[in-house]
């Protein structure tokens, strides 16, 4: 299924995340958009828009 979506025309675009650092911990918040080609209309459409949040921490080795 994934290969079929790629063959049909798709783009995955991620925005630059907003990062907050708190010593050895941080959070990163951003968004991503999945854009697919619509062969019937011969144009592109937003298929998925997602908000993303990552919680990060520095480990023993970095």
Protein backbone atom coordinates (compact mmCIF):
# COMPACT_ATOMS: atom_id res chain seq x y z
CA UNK A 1 0.00 0.00 0.00
CA UNK A 2 2.79 2.43 0.92
CA UNK A 3 4.56 1.92 -2.42
CA UNK A 4 1.27 2.53 -4.26
CA UNK A 5 0.82 5.86 -2.50
CA UNK A 6 4.38 6.86 -3.42
CA UNK A 7 3.87 5.89 -7.08
CA UNK A 8 0.67 7.96 -7.20
CA UNK A 9 2.47 11.08 -6.03
CA UNK A 10 2.88 12.12 -2.43
CA UNK A 11 4.85 14.65 -0.42
CA UNK A 12 5.51 14.66 3.32
CA UNK A 13 6.40 18.10 4.64
CA UNK A 14 7.50 18.78 8.20
CA UNK A 15 7.62 22.23 9.72
CA UNK A 16 10.54 23.42 11.82
CA UNK A 17 9.85 22.40 15.43
CA UNK A 18 9.70 24.83 18.33
CA UNK A 19 12.21 23.56 20.91
CA UNK A 20 12.27 24.39 24.62
CA UNK A 21 15.36 23.26 26.57
CA UNK A 22 15.31 22.65 30.32
CA UNK A 23 18.83 21.54 31.31
CA UNK A 24 19.13 17.89 30.25
CA UNK A 25 15.53 17.71 29.05
CA UNK A 26 13.70 19.34 26.15
CA UNK A 27 10.41 19.34 24.28
CA UNK A 28 10.01 19.82 20.53
CA UNK A 29 6.61 20.74 19.09
CA UNK A 30 5.81 20.97 15.39
CA UNK A 31 3.55 19.83 12.58
CA UNK A 32 3.66 17.66 9.49
CA UNK A 33 1.51 17.58 6.34
CA UNK A 34 0.95 14.67 3.95
CA UNK A 35 0.02 15.91 0.46
CA UNK A 36 -1.27 13.44 -2.15
CA UNK A 37 -1.93 13.71 -5.87
CA UNK A 38 -5.61 13.28 -6.81
CA UNK A 39 -5.64 11.71 -10.30
CA UNK A 40 -9.37 12.35 -10.84
CA UNK A 41 -9.07 16.10 -10.26
CA UNK A 42 -5.47 16.33 -11.52
CA UNK A 43 -4.40 18.33 -8.49
CA UNK A 44 -3.03 17.82 -5.00
CA UNK A 45 -4.82 17.71 -1.65
CA UNK A 46 -3.90 17.64 2.02
CA UNK A 47 -4.44 14.05 3.10
CA UNK A 48 -3.25 14.40 6.70
CA UNK A 49 -2.20 17.24 8.99
CA UNK A 50 -0.60 16.22 12.27
CA UNK A 51 0.63 17.99 15.37
CA UNK A 52 3.77 16.44 16.84
CA UNK A 53 5.37 16.71 20.27
CA UNK A 54 8.57 14.98 21.33
CA UNK A 55 9.93 14.83 24.87
CA UNK A 56 13.71 14.49 24.82
CA UNK A 57 16.33 13.81 27.44
CA UNK A 58 20.10 13.68 27.47
CA UNK A 59 21.36 10.23 28.36
CA UNK A 60 24.59 9.01 29.89
CA UNK A 61 26.39 9.19 26.52
CA UNK A 62 24.83 12.37 25.19
